[in-house]
Protein backbone atom coordinates (compact mmCIF):
# COMPACT_ATOMS: atom_id res chain seq x y z
CA UNK A 1 18.48 14.91 -15.40
CA UNK A 2 16.88 14.29 -18.78
CA UNK A 3 18.78 10.77 -18.87
CA UNK A 4 17.39 9.68 -15.70
CA UNK A 5 13.74 10.69 -16.89
CA UNK A 6 14.26 8.74 -20.10
CA UNK A 7 15.70 5.83 -18.06
CA UNK A 8 12.38 5.76 -15.85
CA UNK A 9 10.31 5.88 -18.87
CA UNK A 10 11.78 3.22 -20.45
CA UNK A 11 11.84 0.92 -17.17
CA UNK A 12 8.14 1.93 -16.78
CA UNK A 13 7.37 0.90 -20.65
CA UNK A 14 9.17 -2.38 -20.15
CA UNK A 15 7.48 -3.06 -16.83
CA UNK A 16 4.17 -2.53 -18.46
CA UNK A 17 5.02 -4.52 -21.22
CA UNK A 18 6.29 -7.60 -19.26
CA UNK A 19 3.25 -7.55 -16.72
CA UNK A 20 0.76 -7.28 -19.87
CA UNK A 21 2.44 -10.33 -21.56
CA UNK A 22 2.74 -12.18 -18.33
CA UNK A 23 -0.82 -11.96 -17.53
CA UNK A 24 -1.74 -12.85 -21.03
CA UNK A 25 0.36 -15.91 -20.61
CA UNK A 26 -1.07 -16.89 -17.19
CA UNK A 27 -4.59 -16.10 -18.10
CA UNK A 28 -4.31 -18.52 -20.65
CA UNK A 29 -2.80 -21.33 -18.71
CA UNK A 30 -5.64 -21.17 -16.28
CA UNK A 31 -8.77 -20.86 -18.87
CA UNK A 32 -9.27 -22.58 -22.09
CA UNK A 33 -12.01 -20.63 -23.29
CA UNK A 34 -10.21 -18.47 -25.30
CA UNK A 35 -9.44 -21.07 -27.70
CA UNK A 36 -13.18 -21.48 -28.21
CA UNK A 37 -13.50 -17.99 -29.35
CA UNK A 38 -13.51 -17.04 -32.93
CA UNK A 39 -10.56 -15.44 -34.38
CA UNK A 40 -11.98 -11.94 -34.65
CA UNK A 41 -13.26 -12.24 -30.77
CA UNK A 42 -9.57 -13.46 -29.71
CA UNK A 43 -8.02 -10.33 -31.66
CA UNK A 44 -10.53 -8.03 -30.08
CA UNK A 45 -10.01 -9.60 -26.69
CA UNK A 46 -6.35 -9.06 -26.92
CA UNK A 47 -6.79 -5.30 -28.02
CA UNK A 48 -9.07 -4.77 -25.20
CA UNK A 49 -6.64 -6.19 -22.57
CA UNK A 50 -3.81 -4.07 -24.07
CA UNK A 51 -6.04 -0.90 -24.03
CA UNK A 52 -6.96 -1.26 -20.65
CA UNK A 53 -3.73 -2.08 -19.10
CA UNK A 54 -1.78 0.80 -20.37
CA UNK A 55 -4.75 3.34 -19.97
CA UNK A 56 -4.52 2.49 -16.56
CA UNK A 57 -0.79 2.08 -15.94
CA UNK A 58 -0.61 6.03 -17.76
CA UNK A 59 -3.25 7.20 -15.56
CA UNK A 60 -1.17 6.21 -12.24
CA UNK A 61 1.97 7.29 -13.81
CA UNK A 62 0.66 11.04 -14.53
CA UNK A 63 -1.22 11.22 -11.54
CA UNK A 64 1.85 10.29 -9.21
CA UNK A 65 4.43 12.76 -11.35
CA UNK A 66 1.57 15.66 -10.96
CA UNK A 67 1.79 14.78 -7.26
CA UNK A 68 -2.23 15.13 -7.45
CA UNK A 69 -4.37 14.02 -4.04
CA UNK A 70 -3.76 10.08 -3.33
CA UNK A 71 -7.38 10.13 -2.19
CA UNK A 72 -8.88 10.68 -5.56
CA UNK A 73 -6.29 8.03 -7.15
CA UNK A 74 -7.23 5.72 -4.76
CA UNK A 75 -11.17 6.42 -4.98
CA UNK A 76 -10.87 6.28 -8.86
CA UNK A 77 -8.94 3.15 -9.23
CA UNK A 78 -11.24 1.45 -6.46
CA UNK A 79 -14.74 2.49 -8.49
CA UNK A 80 -13.01 1.58 -11.55
CA UNK A 81 -12.11 -1.88 -10.23
CA UNK A 82 -15.09 -2.28 -8.24
CA UNK A 83 -17.53 -1.99 -11.30
CA UNK A 84 -15.27 -4.18 -13.39
CA UNK A 85 -15.53 -7.01 -10.76
CA UNK A 86 -19.30 -6.14 -10.04
CA UNK A 87 -20.25 -6.79 -13.59
CA UNK A 88 -17.52 -9.74 -14.56
CA UNK A 89 -18.39 -11.87 -11.69
CA UNK A 90 -22.06 -13.46 -12.77
CA UNK A 91 -24.83 -12.91 -10.25
CA UNK A 92 -24.97 -15.48 -7.51
CA UNK A 93 -21.25 -16.74 -8.17
CA UNK A 94 -19.76 -15.10 -4.81
CA UNK A 95 -20.10 -17.73 -1.89
CA UNK A 96 -24.06 -17.52 -0.42
CA UNK A 97 -24.89 -14.60 -2.53
CA UNK A 98 -28.14 -16.51 -3.30
CA UNK A 99 -29.13 -16.73 0.47
CA UNK A 100 -27.86 -13.01 1.21
CA UNK A 101 -30.16 -11.91 -1.80
CA UNK A 102 -33.24 -13.64 -0.24
CA UNK A 103 -32.36 -12.03 3.09
CA UNK A 104 -31.93 -8.46 1.44
CA UNK A 105 -35.27 -8.85 -0.32
CA UNK A 106 -37.13 -9.69 2.89
CA UNK A 107 -35.74 -6.70 4.74
CA UNK A 108 -36.58 -4.75 1.38
CA UNK A 109 -40.25 -5.67 2.07
CA UNK A 110 -39.89 -4.44 5.75
CA UNK A 111 -39.29 -7.84 7.35
CA UNK A 112 -36.20 -7.22 9.52
CA UNK A 113 -36.29 -10.45 11.32
CA UNK A 114 -36.65 -13.65 9.33
CA UNK A 115 -39.53 -16.02 9.66
CA UNK A 116 -39.00 -19.28 11.48
CA UNK A 117 -41.02 -22.48 10.75
CA UNK A 118 -42.03 -24.77 13.16
CA UNK A 119 -38.89 -27.13 12.48
CA UNK A 120 -36.59 -24.37 13.54
CA UNK A 121 -35.40 -23.46 9.90
CA UNK A 122 -36.07 -19.88 8.42
CA UNK A 123 -38.02 -19.43 5.53
CA UNK A 124 -40.52 -16.74 3.57
CA UNK A 125 -42.40 -16.84 0.50
CA UNK A 126 -40.71 -15.42 -2.64
CA UNK A 127 -41.68 -14.92 -6.28
CA UNK A 128 -40.68 -18.58 -7.61
CA UNK A 129 -38.46 -16.97 -10.36
CA UNK A 130 -35.99 -15.65 -7.70
CA UNK A 131 -34.81 -19.31 -7.25
CA UNK A 132 -34.77 -19.89 -10.64
CA UNK A 133 -32.34 -16.94 -11.65
CA UNK A 134 -30.50 -16.96 -8.24
CA UNK A 135 -29.03 -20.60 -8.06
CA UNK A 136 -25.41 -20.32 -8.65
CA UNK A 137 -25.16 -24.27 -9.95
CA UNK A 138 -27.35 -23.01 -13.23
CA UNK A 139 -25.17 -19.83 -13.86
CA UNK A 140 -22.10 -19.88 -15.31
CA UNK A 141 -21.84 -17.99 -18.43
CA UNK A 142 -22.80 -14.34 -19.09
CA UNK A 143 -25.23 -15.94 -21.53
CA UNK A 144 -27.05 -17.45 -18.54
CA UNK A 145 -26.97 -14.04 -16.88
CA UNK A 146 -28.50 -12.22 -20.04
CA UNK A 147 -31.27 -14.99 -20.37
CA UNK A 148 -32.14 -14.61 -16.60
CA UNK A 149 -32.38 -11.03 -16.89
CA UNK A 150 -35.25 -11.56 -19.10
CA UNK A 151 -37.19 -13.27 -16.68
CA UNK A 152 -39.79 -11.59 -14.67
CA UNK A 153 -41.10 -12.24 -11.35
CA UNK A 154 -44.83 -13.40 -11.26
CA UNK A 155 -47.65 -13.54 -8.64
CA UNK A 156 -46.58 -17.30 -7.76
CA UNK A 157 -44.65 -17.57 -4.63
CA UNK A 158 -42.80 -20.64 -3.01
CA UNK A 159 -41.39 -21.25 0.42
CA UNK A 160 -37.51 -21.00 0.14
CA UNK A 161 -35.14 -21.43 3.44
CA UNK A 162 -31.75 -19.32 3.77
CA UNK A 163 -30.90 -20.29 7.26
CA UNK A 164 -27.28 -18.98 7.20
CA UNK A 165 -28.39 -15.53 6.42
CA UNK A 166 -31.04 -15.28 9.00
CA UNK A 167 -28.20 -15.19 11.38
CA UNK A 168 -27.23 -11.56 10.30
CA UNK A 169 -28.59 -8.39 11.46
CA UNK A 170 -30.78 -6.21 9.14
CA UNK A 171 -28.17 -3.42 9.66
CA UNK A 172 -25.76 -5.50 7.52
CA UNK A 173 -28.16 -5.32 4.47
CA UNK A 174 -29.31 -1.88 4.46
CA UNK A 175 -27.45 -0.70 1.20
CA UNK A 176 -28.47 -4.13 -0.51
CA UNK A 177 -32.07 -3.90 0.63
CA UNK A 178 -32.39 -0.17 -0.36
CA UNK A 179 -31.04 -0.99 -3.95
CA UNK A 180 -33.61 -3.66 -4.33
CA UNK A 181 -36.46 -1.58 -3.08
CA UNK A 182 -35.53 1.09 -5.48
CA UNK A 183 -35.31 -1.16 -8.33
CA UNK A 184 -38.58 -2.76 -7.64
CA UNK A 185 -40.21 0.35 -8.77
CA UNK A 186 -39.07 0.09 -12.49
CA UNK A 187 -38.52 -3.58 -13.04
CA UNK A 188 -40.01 -7.15 -11.78
CA UNK A 189 -36.81 -8.60 -13.06
CA UNK A 190 -35.11 -10.35 -10.07
CA UNK A 191 -31.44 -10.43 -11.36
CA UNK A 192 -31.68 -6.60 -12.09
CA UNK A 193 -32.89 -6.14 -8.57
CA UNK A 194 -29.92 -8.14 -7.56
CA UNK A 195 -27.39 -5.84 -9.38
CA UNK A 196 -29.27 -2.81 -8.07
CA UNK A 197 -28.54 -4.36 -4.71
CA UNK A 198 -24.88 -5.16 -5.40
CA UNK A 199 -24.35 -1.73 -6.76
CA UNK A 200 -25.62 0.12 -3.44
CA UNK A 201 -23.73 -2.01 -1.40
CA UNK A 202 -20.40 -1.40 -3.52
CA UNK A 203 -21.07 2.11 -3.25
CA UNK A 204 -21.61 2.32 0.31
CA UNK A 205 -18.63 0.26 1.18
CA UNK A 206 -16.32 2.11 -1.23
CA UNK A 207 -17.48 5.32 0.44
CA UNK A 208 -16.37 3.96 3.70
CA UNK A 209 -13.05 2.68 2.31
CA UNK A 210 -12.19 6.14 0.87
CA UNK A 211 -13.05 7.91 4.04
CA UNK A 212 -10.79 5.47 5.88
CA UNK A 213 -8.19 6.00 3.65
CA UNK A 214 -8.35 9.82 3.75
CA UNK A 215 -8.45 9.79 7.62
CA UNK A 216 -5.59 7.10 7.72
CA UNK A 217 -2.08 8.87 9.05
CA UNK A 218 -0.11 6.05 8.37
CA UNK A 219 0.01 2.36 6.54
CA UNK A 220 -1.36 3.73 3.29
CA UNK A 221 0.44 1.26 1.23
CA UNK A 222 -0.86 -1.81 3.37
CA UNK A 223 -4.19 -0.30 3.40
CA UNK A 224 -4.43 -0.23 -0.46
CA UNK A 225 -2.92 -4.03 -0.77
CA UNK A 226 -6.02 -4.89 1.43
CA UNK A 227 -8.57 -2.98 -0.28
CA UNK A 228 -7.09 -4.15 -3.79
CA UNK A 229 -7.12 -7.86 -2.82
CA UNK A 230 -9.40 -9.35 -5.54
CA UNK A 231 -11.07 -11.37 -2.61
CA UNK A 232 -11.61 -8.18 -0.65
CA UNK A 233 -13.35 -6.48 -4.05
CA UNK A 234 -15.40 -9.91 -4.73
CA UNK A 235 -16.86 -9.20 -1.31
CA UNK A 236 -17.80 -5.49 -1.48
CA UNK A 237 -19.30 -5.87 -4.80
CA UNK A 238 -21.59 -8.72 -3.81
CA UNK A 239 -24.95 -8.90 -1.94
CA UNK A 240 -22.85 -10.53 1.14
CA UNK A 241 -22.74 -8.32 4.27
CA UNK A 242 -19.06 -9.71 4.59
CA UNK A 243 -18.20 -6.43 2.58
CA UNK A 244 -19.83 -4.08 5.00
CA UNK A 245 -17.72 -6.10 7.70
CA UNK A 246 -14.43 -5.31 6.07
CA UNK A 247 -15.17 -1.80 5.51
CA UNK A 248 -16.43 -0.90 9.06
CA UNK A 249 -13.30 -2.81 10.48
CA UNK A 250 -10.96 -0.64 8.49
CA UNK A 251 -12.72 2.43 8.93
CA UNK A 252 -12.62 2.12 12.88
CA UNK A 253 -9.00 1.36 13.01
CA UNK A 254 -8.24 4.52 10.34
CA UNK A 255 -10.27 6.50 12.44
CA UNK A 256 -8.88 5.61 15.90
CA UNK A 257 -5.39 6.33 14.22
CA UNK A 258 -6.63 9.60 13.14
CA UNK A 259 -7.84 10.66 16.59
CA UNK A 260 -4.41 9.31 17.82
CA UNK A 261 -1.88 10.87 15.62
CA UNK A 262 -3.56 13.68 13.30
CA UNK A 263 -6.42 15.15 15.43
CA UNK A 264 -5.07 17.63 18.08
CA UNK A 265 -8.15 19.09 19.48
CA UNK A 266 -10.55 17.31 22.15
CA UNK A 267 -12.91 15.02 20.67
CA UNK A 268 -16.37 16.84 19.78
CA UNK A 269 -20.08 15.43 20.12
CA UNK A 270 -19.86 14.39 16.13
CA UNK A 271 -16.67 12.47 16.75
CA UNK A 272 -18.58 10.36 19.53
CA UNK A 273 -21.56 10.14 17.46
CA UNK A 274 -19.19 8.90 14.52
CA UNK A 275 -17.63 6.42 16.55
CA UNK A 276 -20.93 5.14 18.08
CA UNK A 277 -21.98 4.69 14.63
CA UNK A 278 -19.20 2.58 13.55
CA UNK A 279 -19.35 0.57 16.69
CA UNK A 280 -22.97 -0.23 16.21
CA UNK A 281 -22.65 -1.47 12.66
CA UNK A 282 -19.65 -3.49 13.54
CA UNK A 283 -20.83 -5.25 16.60
CA UNK A 284 -24.17 -6.31 14.64
CA UNK A 285 -22.03 -7.96 12.33
CA UNK A 286 -20.76 -11.21 13.85
CA UNK A 287 -19.71 -11.76 17.44
CA UNK A 288 -16.19 -12.85 16.24
CA UNK A 289 -15.33 -9.23 15.36
CA UNK A 290 -16.73 -7.85 18.47
CA UNK A 291 -13.28 -7.52 20.03
CA UNK A 292 -12.26 -5.08 17.34
CA UNK A 293 -14.72 -2.47 19.13
CA UNK A 294 -12.23 -2.51 22.08
CA UNK A 295 -9.65 -0.60 19.84
CA UNK A 296 -11.23 2.59 21.08
CA UNK A 297 -9.04 1.95 24.30
CA UNK A 298 -6.31 3.26 21.96
CA UNK A 299 -7.63 6.71 21.80
CA UNK A 300 -5.17 8.80 23.73
CA UNK A 301 -6.59 10.71 27.19
CA UNK A 302 -5.45 13.90 25.41
CA UNK A 303 -8.51 13.95 23.27
CA UNK A 304 -11.01 13.91 26.09
CA UNK A 305 -11.93 16.88 28.60
CA UNK A 306 -10.87 14.81 31.57
CA UNK A 307 -9.65 11.27 32.41
CA UNK A 308 -13.38 11.03 34.18
CA UNK A 309 -14.82 11.54 30.67
CA UNK A 310 -12.65 9.23 29.28
CA UNK A 311 -13.42 6.33 31.32
CA UNK A 312 -17.50 7.19 31.27
CA UNK A 313 -17.05 7.30 27.34
CA UNK A 314 -15.15 4.23 26.78
CA UNK A 315 -17.27 2.20 29.28
CA UNK A 316 -20.30 3.39 27.70
CA UNK A 317 -19.32 2.69 24.07
CA UNK A 318 -17.69 -0.91 25.47
CA UNK A 319 -21.30 -1.97 26.96
CA UNK A 320 -23.34 -0.57 24.12
CA UNK A 321 -21.14 -2.66 21.42
CA UNK A 322 -21.41 -5.54 24.06
CA UNK A 323 -25.11 -5.23 24.43
CA UNK A 324 -26.03 -4.93 20.80
CA UNK A 325 -23.97 -7.98 20.10
CA UNK A 326 -25.33 -10.18 22.80
CA UNK A 327 -28.95 -8.90 21.87
CA UNK A 328 -28.85 -10.06 18.52
CA UNK A 329 -26.70 -13.11 19.50
CA UNK A 330 -30.12 -14.04 21.49
CA UNK A 331 -32.34 -13.49 18.33
CA UNK A 332 -29.76 -15.41 15.90
CA UNK A 333 -29.43 -18.35 18.25
CA UNK A 334 -33.05 -19.29 17.31
CA UNK A 335 -31.99 -19.54 13.58
CA UNK A 336 -28.66 -21.86 14.34
CA UNK A 337 -29.65 -24.97 12.41
CA UNK A 338 -27.45 -28.10 12.71
CA UNK A 339 -26.58 -28.65 8.66
CA UNK A 340 -24.52 -31.89 9.31
CA UNK A 341 -24.94 -34.89 11.04
CA UNK A 342 -23.24 -34.95 14.71
CA UNK A 343 -23.49 -31.50 15.21
CA UNK A 344 -25.20 -29.79 18.43
CA UNK A 345 -24.32 -26.19 19.06
CA UNK A 346 -25.26 -26.61 22.99
CA UNK A 347 -23.62 -29.94 23.44
CA UNK A 348 -20.56 -28.46 21.64
CA UNK A 349 -20.47 -25.39 24.24
CA UNK A 350 -20.75 -27.62 27.10
CA UNK A 351 -17.84 -30.06 25.56
CA UNK A 352 -15.42 -26.91 25.10
CA UNK A 353 -16.14 -26.27 29.13
CA UNK A 354 -15.89 -29.44 30.24
CA UNK A 355 -12.51 -30.27 28.02
CA UNK A 356 -11.09 -27.32 27.52
CA UNK A 357 -7.40 -28.54 27.20
CA UNK A 358 -8.70 -30.99 24.25
CA UNK A 359 -10.46 -27.79 22.62
CA UNK A 360 -7.19 -26.16 22.83
CA UNK A 361 -5.16 -29.11 21.10
CA UNK A 362 -7.98 -29.13 18.62
CA UNK A 363 -7.62 -25.41 17.93
CA UNK A 364 -3.72 -25.77 17.79
CA UNK A 365 -4.13 -28.80 15.05
CA UNK A 366 -6.47 -27.09 13.07
CA UNK A 367 -4.17 -23.81 12.89
CA UNK A 368 -1.19 -25.92 11.84
CA UNK A 369 -2.79 -27.90 9.32
CA UNK A 370 -4.82 -25.07 7.72
CA UNK A 371 -2.40 -22.32 8.21
CA UNK A 372 -0.72 -22.34 4.74
CA UNK A 373 -4.05 -22.74 2.68
CA UNK A 374 -5.69 -20.09 5.14
CA UNK A 375 -3.08 -17.24 4.15
CA UNK A 376 -3.04 -18.14 0.56
CA UNK A 377 -7.05 -18.02 0.52
CA UNK A 378 -6.58 -14.65 2.66
CA UNK A 379 -4.78 -12.95 -0.21
CA UNK A 380 -7.19 -14.14 -2.90
CA UNK A 381 -5.94 -17.59 -4.02
CA UNK A 382 -9.40 -18.76 -4.75
CA UNK A 383 -12.71 -16.63 -6.14
CA UNK A 384 -16.06 -17.18 -6.67
CA UNK A 385 -17.43 -20.62 -5.45
CA UNK A 386 -13.79 -21.73 -4.96
CA UNK A 387 -13.90 -22.59 -8.99
CA UNK A 388 -11.49 -20.13 -10.08
CA UNK A 389 -7.67 -20.37 -8.89
CA UNK A 390 -5.32 -17.83 -9.34
CA UNK A 391 -1.82 -18.03 -10.43
CA UNK A 392 0.54 -18.93 -7.43
CA UNK A 393 2.92 -16.47 -8.68
CA UNK A 394 0.79 -13.73 -8.35
CA UNK A 395 -0.70 -14.91 -4.70
CA UNK A 396 2.90 -15.57 -3.46
CA UNK A 397 3.99 -12.41 -4.93
CA UNK A 398 1.29 -10.26 -3.05
CA UNK A 399 2.06 -11.98 -0.11
CA UNK A 400 5.49 -10.96 -0.10
CA UNK A 401 4.76 -7.29 -1.35
CA UNK A 402 2.19 -7.05 1.72
CA UNK A 403 4.83 -8.22 4.16
CA UNK A 404 7.13 -5.95 2.78
CA UNK A 405 5.12 -2.90 3.22
CA UNK A 406 3.77 -4.10 6.55
CA UNK A 407 7.41 -4.17 7.76
CA UNK A 408 8.67 -1.03 5.94
CA UNK A 409 5.64 1.83 6.13
CA UNK A 410 6.68 4.18 8.28
CA UNK A 411 5.72 7.97 9.21
CA UNK A 412 7.69 10.14 11.53
CA UNK A 413 4.94 11.31 13.45
CA UNK A 414 3.42 7.85 14.24
CA UNK A 415 5.14 6.66 17.59
CA UNK A 416 3.58 3.05 18.93
CA UNK A 417 4.33 2.31 22.16
CA UNK A 418 4.25 -1.63 23.75
CA UNK A 419 1.00 -0.92 25.38
CA UNK A 420 -0.49 -0.14 22.01
CA UNK A 421 0.89 -3.23 20.44
CA UNK A 422 -0.37 -5.26 23.48
CA UNK A 423 -4.00 -4.17 22.63
CA UNK A 424 -3.77 -4.91 19.05
CA UNK A 425 -2.22 -8.18 19.47
CA UNK A 426 -4.88 -9.01 22.23
CA UNK A 427 -7.79 -8.03 19.71
CA UNK A 428 -6.26 -10.15 16.92
CA UNK A 429 -5.67 -13.47 18.99
CA UNK A 430 -9.29 -13.28 20.73
CA UNK A 431 -10.90 -12.47 17.29
CA UNK A 432 -8.84 -15.54 15.61
CA UNK A 433 -10.06 -17.64 18.68
CA UNK A 434 -13.69 -16.72 18.49
CA UNK A 435 -13.78 -17.29 14.70
CA UNK A 436 -12.26 -20.96 15.38
CA UNK A 437 -14.61 -21.65 18.30
CA UNK A 438 -17.70 -20.43 16.48
CA UNK A 439 -16.78 -22.76 13.46
CA UNK A 440 -16.44 -25.52 15.85
CA UNK A 441 -20.14 -24.97 17.55
CA UNK A 442 -21.76 -24.50 14.40
CA UNK A 443 -20.19 -26.51 11.76
CA UNK A 444 -17.98 -29.36 13.56
CA UNK A 445 -19.27 -32.55 15.22
CA UNK A 446 -19.31 -32.66 18.70
CA UNK A 447 -16.03 -33.84 20.26
CA UNK A 448 -14.25 -33.93 16.63
CA UNK A 449 -10.52 -33.37 16.91
CA UNK A 450 -10.20 -30.72 14.11
CA UNK A 451 -12.47 -27.50 13.25
CA UNK A 452 -14.20 -27.63 9.91
CA UNK A 453 -15.54 -24.89 7.75
CA UNK A 454 -12.35 -22.42 8.43
CA UNK A 455 -11.99 -20.16 5.29
CA UNK A 456 -8.95 -17.61 4.79
CA UNK A 457 -11.77 -14.75 4.05
CA UNK A 458 -13.18 -14.89 7.50
CA UNK A 459 -9.76 -13.35 8.72
CA UNK A 460 -9.79 -10.47 6.25
CA UNK A 461 -11.53 -7.76 8.90
CA UNK A 462 -8.48 -8.40 11.01
CA UNK A 463 -5.67 -8.06 8.40
CA UNK A 464 -5.05 -4.49 8.63
CA UNK A 465 -4.10 -5.32 12.40
CA UNK A 466 -0.62 -6.98 11.31
CA UNK A 467 0.94 -3.74 9.89
CA UNK A 468 0.33 -1.97 13.02
CA UNK A 469 1.83 -4.79 14.96
CA UNK A 470 4.93 -4.87 12.61
CA UNK A 471 5.43 -0.95 12.90
CA UNK A 472 8.85 0.02 14.33
CA UNK A 473 8.82 3.79 15.43
CA UNK A 474 12.62 3.77 15.26
CA UNK A 475 12.99 2.78 11.65
CA UNK A 476 13.50 5.71 9.09
CA UNK A 477 12.46 4.99 5.70
CA UNK A 478 12.90 7.41 2.48
CA UNK A 479 9.74 7.89 0.35
CA UNK A 480 10.59 7.25 -3.20
CA UNK A 481 8.06 8.07 -5.92
CA UNK A 482 8.89 5.39 -8.07
CA UNK A 483 8.26 2.88 -5.56
CA UNK A 484 4.66 4.24 -5.52
CA UNK A 485 4.40 4.07 -9.09
CA UNK A 486 5.72 0.39 -9.43
CA UNK A 487 3.91 -0.37 -6.28
CA UNK A 488 0.47 0.58 -8.07
CA UNK A 489 1.14 -0.74 -11.61
CA UNK A 490 1.60 -4.20 -9.55
CA UNK A 491 -1.70 -4.00 -7.68
CA UNK A 492 -3.43 -2.97 -10.74
CA UNK A 493 -1.62 -5.73 -12.60
CA UNK A 494 -2.58 -8.44 -10.14
CA UNK A 495 -6.59 -7.43 -10.38
CA UNK A 496 -6.06 -7.16 -14.21
CA UNK A 497 -5.05 -10.54 -14.16
CA UNK A 498 -7.77 -11.84 -11.86
CA UNK A 499 -10.64 -10.14 -14.10
CA UNK A 500 -9.09 -11.77 -17.01
CA UNK A 501 -9.47 -15.09 -15.50
CA UNK A 502 -13.09 -14.42 -14.38
CA UNK A 503 -14.04 -13.10 -17.85
CA UNK A 504 -12.22 -16.19 -19.59
CA UNK A 505 -14.25 -18.96 -17.31
CA UNK A 506 -17.55 -17.51 -17.94
CA UNK A 507 -17.66 -15.99 -21.72
CA UNK A 508 -18.36 -19.73 -23.23
């Protein structure tokens, strides 16, 4: 027995040293800023990386061996990694963060709907310093961020547009706006206000994810992989509402699985209220994710007082989701602006109805051409404004690890029938179709035979459907504590590598 324990410790030590060495080598292959540092800074950087790697590894190892709560471990790692991403990614370096900052700022001032100009664009008066410190093209190093923190908002205001962000409901910006509102009481620095918005958004999303993990009766490893993808952490620590959409989509499916497999009693008023809140937030995110709300039909009839109550409840929740989504869509449609030559949303919609076969072939053509890149982007090949490329080794390895656990994750008490899988598949296919169609309408010239603007991150809220579709109720898998150790060690290594790349790209 002692011999086995010693062997495990040696294997863990080799794994830790090997992954640390690999991270250092891969980081240096992707960033040349390290060579610009003086010798003292280089040594301090290496020592810091070494300490962070092994402190986290030992924390994971001891926690698993003591068999403590996995929820606490998940939450602790999420907060540690989240705050590292939050402060190491410079302000406005996440895609469209500057426009999301303006939308959050106007909501923090009590303006829930954007102001529309005569030319159809959305714009509002903001302190002129906000644009100066949030333009991502002018912010690249940490020195730039520190300089911008010193810039104080003045009384001079300028009109600035933010059409893309105007399409989002004000509910999607509640945490960010609250953070900015609170920061305004003790600072007039736009950057500090922006970071407060980031912090509040991250705390809100992190709480949703921890709650989802706690409720989840199965697929916990697949869930953790999704939450610890660098691209997901980047979204939830930014001012983008996409982080909230991802979090609510994961919480909805987790709660439905909880109601189906864990809860044995009838649903209470609290359950209905909680489900209504999730659907409200999710239905007001984007119309392309509306089908996720129909996952409520997976809740078994045993959770209701009668079949009549079930049909009424499901019908009312479905109508509520559709009403909210279409109501906001009718408002957002007024802010839809054609950004490129040849784009006309109304004509494109008419073209789809007139030539559905042509559109279907366009969809298949785009899907086949972009599939490989979209999958790689989905697991975090590119970060920030696509200027940071992660190693193909980690990207492909993560894809393999996710595929393995999506297939292997098994819990005896969870049984999935074909009806359930058909619903999951239908939601996935319809959502993917809506994503492509929305980009065809909004970003693609009329009649073009390829859809423009497709990005892998748009599919993140749908990613958790895949482990459910791959689940085999008859498969028997033995739980292995060492597998958990190596699994978590790998996830942490992947993120530490991504953080090293981000740091080296912005240090000088």
